[in-house]
C-alpha atoms as a PDB file:
ATOM      1  CA  MET A   1      20.513  27.898  18.032  1.00  0.00           C
ATOM      2  CA  THR A   2      18.189  25.055  17.249  1.00  0.00           C
ATOM      3  CA  LYS A   3      15.294  25.169  14.855  1.00  0.00           C
ATOM      4  CA  PRO A   4      11.803  24.996  16.327  1.00  0.00           C
ATOM      5  CA  ARG A   5      10.280  21.549  15.920  1.00  0.00           C
ATOM      6  CA  THR A   6       7.630  21.503  13.235  1.00  0.00           C
ATOM      7  CA  GLU A   7       4.851  18.957  12.945  1.00  0.00           C
ATOM      8  CA  PRO A   8       4.904  16.995   9.663  1.00  0.00           C
ATOM      9  CA  ALA A   9       2.095  17.745   7.242  1.00  0.00           C
ATOM     10  CA  CYS A  10      -0.810  15.486   6.314  1.00  0.00           C
ATOM     11  CA  PRO A  11       0.523  12.808   3.925  1.00  0.00           C
ATOM     12  CA  ILE A  12      -2.544  13.104   1.672  1.00  0.00           C
ATOM     13  CA  CYS A  13      -3.061  16.854   1.158  1.00  0.00           C
ATOM     14  CA  GLY A  14      -0.141  18.554   2.927  1.00  0.00           C
ATOM     15  CA  ALA A  15      -2.292  20.535   5.387  1.00  0.00           C
ATOM     16  CA  PRO A  16      -1.287  20.745   9.071  1.00  0.00           C
ATOM     17  CA  ARG A  17      -2.096  17.576  11.005  1.00  0.00           C
ATOM     18  CA  SER A  18      -4.972  17.394  13.456  1.00  0.00           C
ATOM     19  CA  PRO A  19      -4.415  15.621  16.800  1.00  0.00           C
ATOM     20  CA  ARG A  20      -7.848  14.031  16.433  1.00  0.00           C
ATOM     21  CA  PHE A  21      -7.087  12.458  13.025  1.00  0.00           C
ATOM     22  CA  ARG A  22      -3.330  11.982  13.390  1.00  0.00           C
ATOM     23  CA  PRO A  23      -1.391  11.533  11.107  1.00  0.00           C
ATOM     24  CA  PHE A  24      -4.013  13.133   8.835  1.00  0.00           C
ATOM     25  CA  CYS A  25      -5.648  16.548   8.930  1.00  0.00           C
ATOM     26  CA  SER A  26      -9.259  15.361   8.670  1.00  0.00           C
ATOM     27  CA  ALA A  27     -11.548  12.350   8.413  1.00  0.00           C
ATOM     28  CA  ARG A  28     -11.686  12.955   4.649  1.00  0.00           C
ATOM     29  CA  CYS A  29      -7.935  12.412   4.266  1.00  0.00           C
ATOM     30  CA  ALA A  30      -8.026   9.390   6.592  1.00  0.00           C
ATOM     31  CA  ASP A  31     -10.796   7.883   4.441  1.00  0.00           C
ATOM     32  CA  ALA A  32      -8.865   8.655   1.252  1.00  0.00           C
ATOM     33  CA  ASP A  33      -5.839   6.802   2.656  1.00  0.00           C
ATOM     34  CA  LEU A  34      -8.012   3.829   3.655  1.00  0.00           C
ATOM     35  CA  GLN A  35      -9.483   3.702   0.153  1.00  0.00           C
ATOM     36  CA  ARG A  36      -5.987   3.635  -1.324  1.00  0.00           C
ATOM     37  CA  TRP A  37      -5.075   0.661   0.865  1.00  0.00           C
ATOM     38  CA  LEU A  38      -8.292  -1.202   0.055  1.00  0.00           C
ATOM     39  CA  SER A  39      -7.936  -0.650  -3.693  1.00  0.00           C
ATOM     40  CA  ASP A  40      -4.289  -1.839  -3.692  1.00  0.00           C
ATOM     41  CA  ALA A  41      -2.985   1.563  -4.742  1.00  0.00           C
ATOM     42  CA  TYR A  42      -0.153   1.080  -2.239  1.00  0.00           C
ATOM     43  CA  VAL A  43       2.104  -1.796  -3.255  1.00  0.00           C
ATOM     44  CA  ILE A  44       5.625  -2.847  -2.470  1.00  0.00           C
ATOM     45  CA  PRO A  45       7.483  -3.832  -5.633  1.00  0.00           C
ATOM     46  CA  VAL A  46       9.088  -7.247  -5.453  1.00  0.00           C
ATOM     47  CA  ALA A  47      11.888  -8.425  -7.679  1.00  0.00           C
ATOM     48  CA  GLU A  48      11.730 -12.204  -8.026  1.00  0.00           C
ATOM     49  CA  ASP A  49      14.700 -14.195  -9.178  1.00  0.00           C
ATOM     50  CA  GLU A  50      14.294 -16.233 -12.361  1.00  0.00           C
ATOM     51  CA  GLU A  51      14.092 -19.635 -10.606  1.00  0.00           C
ATOM     52  CA  GLN A  52      11.353 -18.460  -8.242  1.00  0.00           C
ATOM     53  CA  ALA A  53       9.390 -16.856 -11.098  1.00  0.00           C
ATOM     54  CA  ALA A  54       9.576 -20.102 -13.119  1.00  0.00           C
ATOM     55  CA  ALA A  55       8.414 -22.144 -10.109  1.00  0.00           C
ATOM     56  CA  ASN A  56       5.481 -19.762  -9.509  1.00  0.00           C
ATOM     57  CA  GLU A  57       4.495 -19.945 -13.177  1.00  0.00           C
ATOM     58  CA  ALA A  58       4.603 -23.775 -13.108  1.00  0.00           C
ATOM     59  CA  ASP A  59       2.410 -23.781  -9.974  1.00  0.00           C
ATOM     60  CA  ASP A  60      -0.078 -21.435 -11.650  1.00  0.00           C
ATOM     61  CA  LEU A  61      -0.288 -23.642 -14.754  1.00  0.00           C
ATOM     62  CA  ALA A  62      -0.751 -26.771 -12.632  1.00  0.00           C
ATOM     63  CA  GLY A  63      -3.568 -25.096 -10.711  1.00  0.00           C
ATOM     64  CA  GLN A  64      -5.314 -24.095 -13.929  1.00  0.00           C
ATOM     65  CA  SER A  65      -5.225 -27.659 -15.284  1.00  0.00           C
ATOM     66  CA  GLU A  66      -6.588 -28.988 -11.972  1.00  0.00           C
ATOM     67  CA  ARG A  67      -9.538 -26.583 -12.197  1.00  0.00           C
ATOM     68  CA  GLY A  68     -10.191 -27.617 -15.804  1.00  0.00           C
ATOM     69  CA  ARG A  69     -10.738 -31.248 -14.743  1.00  0.00           C
ATOM     70  CA  LEU A  70     -13.429 -30.447 -12.205  1.00  0.00           C
END
């Protein structure tokens, strides 16, 4: 016997999804998700190696000194 296929829940509140607002259950949850994206609440952590981090820091310092001369 196979299990009946169940629809995944809304990723914001866990309520059943609505076909109209898929993958969310309502416009409210869709708007909440959009707000999270716009406010940078969703981020992908990046692990930089030491050489790349040092190069980025040197570039940042060079940019700051360039702005100070203007």
